[in-house]
Protein backbone atom coordinates (compact mmCIF):
# COMPACT_ATOMS: atom_id res chain seq x y z
CA MET A 1 0.00 0.00 0.00
CA THR A 2 1.34 3.40 -0.95
CA SER A 3 1.42 6.16 1.65
CA ILE A 4 1.88 9.85 1.07
CA GLY A 5 4.46 11.66 3.14
CA PHE A 6 6.87 14.58 3.23
CA CYS A 7 10.17 15.75 4.68
CA GLN A 8 10.09 19.05 6.54
CA ASN A 9 13.56 20.28 7.41
CA GLY A 10 12.63 23.37 9.45
CA MET A 11 15.73 25.30 8.39
CA GLY A 12 15.20 28.92 9.30
CA TRP A 13 11.60 28.30 10.43
CA SER A 14 10.15 29.31 13.79
CA TRP A 15 8.72 26.58 16.01
CA GLU A 16 5.23 27.93 15.35
CA GLN A 17 5.73 27.60 11.59
CA ILE A 18 6.93 24.02 11.98
CA ARG A 19 4.02 23.04 14.22
CA ASP A 20 1.45 24.70 11.96
CA PHE A 21 2.95 22.99 8.90
CA TRP A 22 2.58 19.53 10.48
CA VAL A 23 -0.95 20.22 11.72
CA GLU A 24 -1.98 21.41 8.25
CA ALA A 25 -0.26 18.45 6.57
CA GLU A 26 -2.27 16.09 8.76
CA LYS A 27 -5.50 17.94 7.86
CA LEU A 28 -4.61 17.59 4.17
CA GLY A 29 -4.34 13.82 4.56
CA PHE A 30 -0.59 13.23 4.62
CA GLU A 31 0.05 9.90 6.31
CA ASN A 32 3.66 10.38 7.43
CA GLY A 33 6.30 13.04 7.76
CA THR A 34 9.97 13.25 8.56
CA MET A 35 12.39 15.87 9.83
CA MET A 36 16.07 16.19 9.00
CA ASP A 37 18.20 15.18 12.00
CA ASN A 38 21.00 17.75 11.85
CA ASN A 39 21.73 20.22 14.63
CA ILE A 40 23.01 22.63 12.00
CA TYR A 41 22.92 22.67 8.26
CA THR A 42 25.34 24.40 5.94
CA GLY A 43 24.00 25.52 2.63
CA PRO A 44 25.31 26.68 -0.69
CA PRO A 45 26.88 28.71 -2.05
CA ASP A 46 29.34 29.41 0.78
CA ASP A 47 28.55 26.82 3.49
CA THR A 48 26.63 29.40 5.53
CA VAL A 49 25.40 27.83 8.78
CA ILE A 50 21.62 27.61 8.87
CA PRO A 51 20.21 26.87 12.34
CA THR A 52 17.71 24.04 12.68
CA HIS A 53 15.56 22.73 15.52
CA GLU A 54 16.57 19.61 17.46
CA THR A 55 14.69 16.79 15.74
CA TRP A 56 13.57 14.48 18.53
CA THR A 57 12.49 17.32 20.82
CA SER A 58 10.49 18.75 17.93
CA LEU A 59 8.97 15.34 17.13
CA ALA A 60 7.76 15.05 20.73
CA ALA A 61 5.95 18.38 20.43
CA ILE A 62 4.63 17.46 16.96
CA ALA A 63 3.29 14.20 18.42
CA GLU A 64 1.30 16.23 20.93
CA ALA A 65 0.00 18.68 18.28
CA THR A 66 -1.17 15.93 15.89
CA SER A 67 -3.15 12.72 16.26
CA LYS A 68 -2.86 10.57 13.12
CA ILE A 69 0.25 11.33 11.08
CA ARG A 70 3.24 8.99 11.54
CA ILE A 71 6.39 10.86 12.57
CA GLY A 72 10.12 10.24 12.48
CA PRO A 73 13.51 11.46 11.34
CA GLN A 74 14.47 11.44 7.70
CA VAL A 75 17.58 9.57 8.91
CA THR A 76 19.24 9.68 12.31
CA PRO A 77 22.96 9.14 11.69
CA CYS A 78 24.84 6.79 13.98
CA ALA A 79 27.27 8.17 16.57
CA ARG A 80 25.18 11.32 17.15
CA ARG A 81 23.80 10.37 20.54
CA ALA A 82 24.57 7.74 23.14
CA PRO A 83 22.59 4.67 22.00
CA SER A 84 20.85 4.11 25.35
CA LEU A 85 19.75 7.76 25.48
CA PHE A 86 18.58 7.62 21.86
CA ALA A 87 16.54 4.47 22.57
CA LYS A 88 14.91 6.21 25.54
CA MET A 89 14.14 9.31 23.45
CA VAL A 90 12.52 7.25 20.69
CA THR A 91 10.49 5.27 23.24
CA GLN A 92 9.27 8.45 24.93
CA VAL A 93 8.19 10.06 21.65
CA ASP A 94 6.50 6.80 20.67
CA HIS A 95 4.50 6.88 23.92
CA ILE A 96 3.55 10.54 23.43
CA SER A 97 2.42 9.79 19.87
CA ASN A 98 0.49 6.62 20.80
CA GLY A 99 2.68 4.46 18.58
CA ARG A 100 3.08 6.72 15.55
CA VAL A 101 6.91 6.88 15.56
CA TYR A 102 9.17 5.23 13.03
CA VAL A 103 12.94 5.43 12.98
CA GLY A 104 15.28 5.81 10.02
CA MET A 105 18.95 5.25 10.83
CA GLY A 106 22.11 5.48 8.74
CA VAL A 107 25.90 5.71 8.80
CA GLY A 108 26.06 9.51 8.45
CA ASP A 109 27.55 11.64 5.75
CA LEU A 110 29.83 14.52 6.73
CA PRO A 111 31.98 15.05 9.85
CA LYS A 112 30.87 18.69 10.16
CA TYR A 113 27.40 17.51 11.18
CA ASN A 114 28.76 15.58 14.18
CA LEU A 115 30.81 18.49 15.52
CA PRO A 116 27.92 20.38 17.19
CA TRP A 117 26.97 17.19 19.04
CA GLY A 118 30.50 16.77 20.41
CA MET A 119 30.59 13.24 19.05
CA PRO A 120 33.47 11.68 17.10
CA PHE A 121 32.94 10.89 13.44
CA PRO A 122 34.83 7.81 12.24
CA LYS A 123 36.15 8.44 8.74
CA LYS A 124 35.78 4.87 7.48
CA ILE A 125 32.30 3.75 6.47
CA SER A 126 33.12 0.28 7.79
CA GLU A 127 33.65 1.75 11.29
CA ARG A 128 30.40 3.72 11.09
CA SER A 129 28.61 0.58 9.86
CA ASP A 130 29.84 -1.29 12.94
CA ILE A 131 28.62 1.54 15.19
CA LEU A 132 25.24 1.56 13.43
CA ARG A 133 24.90 -2.21 13.85
CA GLU A 134 25.70 -1.91 17.57
CA GLU A 135 23.23 0.96 18.03
CA ILE A 136 20.46 -1.03 16.34
CA GLU A 137 21.19 -4.00 18.62
CA ILE A 138 20.99 -1.74 21.69
CA MET A 139 17.68 -0.31 20.52
């Protein structure tokens, strides 16, 4: 069965704009939505830093503001958060949303996106793959 969804990155948006977007998307019949899981984003043409909202905190508030739409990250890269804390965060948002959370996880892309989190970024994909595997097992 096909479902209709969207990715809302929230770059440069106020919290009120983000919330209203999700509420309206649910009214329009969207079945799922995702948010980018970067603490910062750098955009072209000169890598200007564009602030973003913390994804899982925002998803908790979105869960409270909506009632049907499934919610989750576009992809949560490994090595961003301690795995046990991340598992607890996901569980809490899932409870708030009455089971509407889904999780996308990946190996990550660029080291600059781990810097604001204070987390190391292994350069080799094989190392990140091992970390991802371990994080999934912990969850």
